[in-house]
């Protein structure tokens, strides 16, 4: 699959997860920005427009759900209509519905 030129924001506090996901996305032609926290994510979404955002759920200080809610509350966000995919190790039954109800477009486990 090629994603040539797709502008992606990757939000995850785990540097190894970011490195692996970043390499995968870049190998498919994506342009990737990284944020190591919800705070960094909020700084980037007011500066750049993205085609898609991948966001870790479990981050310290501000988790992915709180970050998503704050992003949608920002009048200056350039990404109010951008799909946001939750990243999680949680693959139990009903988790997709939980992420959708929290405002994510979908999730990846």
Protein backbone atom coordinates (compact mmCIF):
# COMPACT_ATOMS: atom_id res chain seq x y z
CA UNK A 1 0.00 0.00 0.00
CA UNK A 2 1.31 3.45 -0.92
CA UNK A 3 0.36 6.57 0.96
CA UNK A 4 2.51 8.91 -1.12
CA UNK A 5 2.40 12.43 0.24
CA UNK A 6 -0.07 11.66 3.04
CA UNK A 7 0.58 14.11 5.91
CA UNK A 8 0.46 12.13 9.17
CA UNK A 9 0.74 13.11 12.83
CA UNK A 10 1.90 10.30 15.11
CA UNK A 11 1.28 10.86 18.85
CA UNK A 12 2.83 8.37 21.28
CA UNK A 13 4.90 8.75 24.44
CA UNK A 14 6.89 5.59 23.64
CA UNK A 15 9.87 6.51 21.44
CA UNK A 16 10.31 2.94 20.14
CA UNK A 17 6.65 2.78 19.06
CA UNK A 18 7.08 6.12 17.26
CA UNK A 19 10.26 4.95 15.56
CA UNK A 20 8.72 1.71 14.24
CA UNK A 21 5.43 3.30 13.14
CA UNK A 22 7.30 6.24 11.59
CA UNK A 23 9.54 3.93 9.54
CA UNK A 24 6.50 1.99 8.32
CA UNK A 25 4.61 5.14 7.31
CA UNK A 26 7.64 6.70 5.60
CA UNK A 27 8.30 3.47 3.68
CA UNK A 28 4.83 3.91 2.17
CA UNK A 29 5.54 7.52 1.19
CA UNK A 30 3.91 9.39 4.07
CA UNK A 31 5.21 12.65 5.50
CA UNK A 32 5.29 12.13 9.27
CA UNK A 33 5.37 14.55 12.19
CA UNK A 34 5.78 13.13 15.69
CA UNK A 35 4.52 14.23 19.09
CA UNK A 36 5.70 12.56 22.29
CA UNK A 37 2.78 13.87 24.37
CA UNK A 38 -0.70 15.30 24.24
CA UNK A 39 0.74 18.76 24.85
CA UNK A 40 3.03 18.46 21.81
CA UNK A 41 0.09 17.20 19.76
CA UNK A 42 -1.98 20.26 20.66
CA UNK A 43 0.90 22.52 19.63
CA UNK A 44 1.17 20.81 16.24
CA UNK A 45 -2.54 20.71 15.36
CA UNK A 46 -2.75 24.50 15.47
CA UNK A 47 0.33 24.85 13.25
CA UNK A 48 -0.23 22.10 10.65
CA UNK A 49 -3.05 20.41 8.81
CA UNK A 50 -2.88 16.60 8.67
CA UNK A 51 -4.59 13.98 6.53
CA UNK A 52 -4.73 11.55 9.47
CA UNK A 53 -3.66 11.45 13.12
CA UNK A 54 -2.62 8.27 14.96
CA UNK A 55 -2.84 8.78 18.72
CA UNK A 56 -1.81 6.53 21.59
CA UNK A 57 -4.49 6.16 24.24
CA UNK A 58 -2.36 5.62 27.35
CA UNK A 59 0.05 8.54 27.74
CA UNK A 60 1.13 10.17 30.99
CA UNK A 61 -0.21 13.58 32.08
CA UNK A 62 -2.79 13.83 29.27
CA UNK A 63 -4.06 10.60 27.69
CA UNK A 64 -5.26 10.25 24.12
CA UNK A 65 -8.93 10.78 24.97
CA UNK A 66 -8.26 14.02 26.83
CA UNK A 67 -5.91 15.16 24.06
CA UNK A 68 -8.58 14.46 21.45
CA UNK A 69 -11.22 16.37 23.43
CA UNK A 70 -8.89 19.34 23.90
CA UNK A 71 -7.99 19.30 20.20
CA UNK A 72 -11.67 19.47 19.23
CA UNK A 73 -12.19 22.33 21.72
CA UNK A 74 -9.42 24.45 20.17
CA UNK A 75 -10.82 27.19 17.93
CA UNK A 76 -7.41 27.40 16.27
CA UNK A 77 -7.08 23.68 15.43
CA UNK A 78 -6.54 23.05 11.72
CA UNK A 79 -7.64 19.42 12.18
CA UNK A 80 -11.24 19.45 13.36
CA UNK A 81 -12.28 17.20 10.45
CA UNK A 82 -9.13 15.06 10.42
CA UNK A 83 -9.62 11.33 11.10
CA UNK A 84 -8.02 10.36 14.41
CA UNK A 85 -7.16 6.71 14.97
CA UNK A 86 -6.57 5.52 18.54
CA UNK A 87 -3.53 3.31 19.08
CA UNK A 88 -3.83 0.80 21.90
CA UNK A 89 -2.74 -2.61 23.10
CA UNK A 90 -6.31 -3.06 24.34
CA UNK A 91 -8.08 -5.56 22.07
CA UNK A 92 -10.95 -6.69 24.29
CA UNK A 93 -14.54 -6.92 23.12
CA UNK A 94 -16.33 -3.58 22.90
CA UNK A 95 -13.19 -1.45 22.79
CA UNK A 96 -13.88 -0.18 19.26
CA UNK A 97 -17.27 1.13 20.33
CA UNK A 98 -15.68 2.84 23.34
CA UNK A 99 -13.15 4.67 21.16
CA UNK A 100 -15.80 5.68 18.63
CA UNK A 101 -18.02 7.00 21.43
CA UNK A 102 -15.07 9.06 22.74
CA UNK A 103 -14.74 10.77 19.34
CA UNK A 104 -12.06 8.73 17.56
CA UNK A 105 -12.65 7.73 13.96
CA UNK A 106 -11.46 4.19 14.66
CA UNK A 107 -8.74 2.31 16.53
CA UNK A 108 -5.80 -0.01 15.92
CA UNK A 109 -4.62 -2.53 18.48
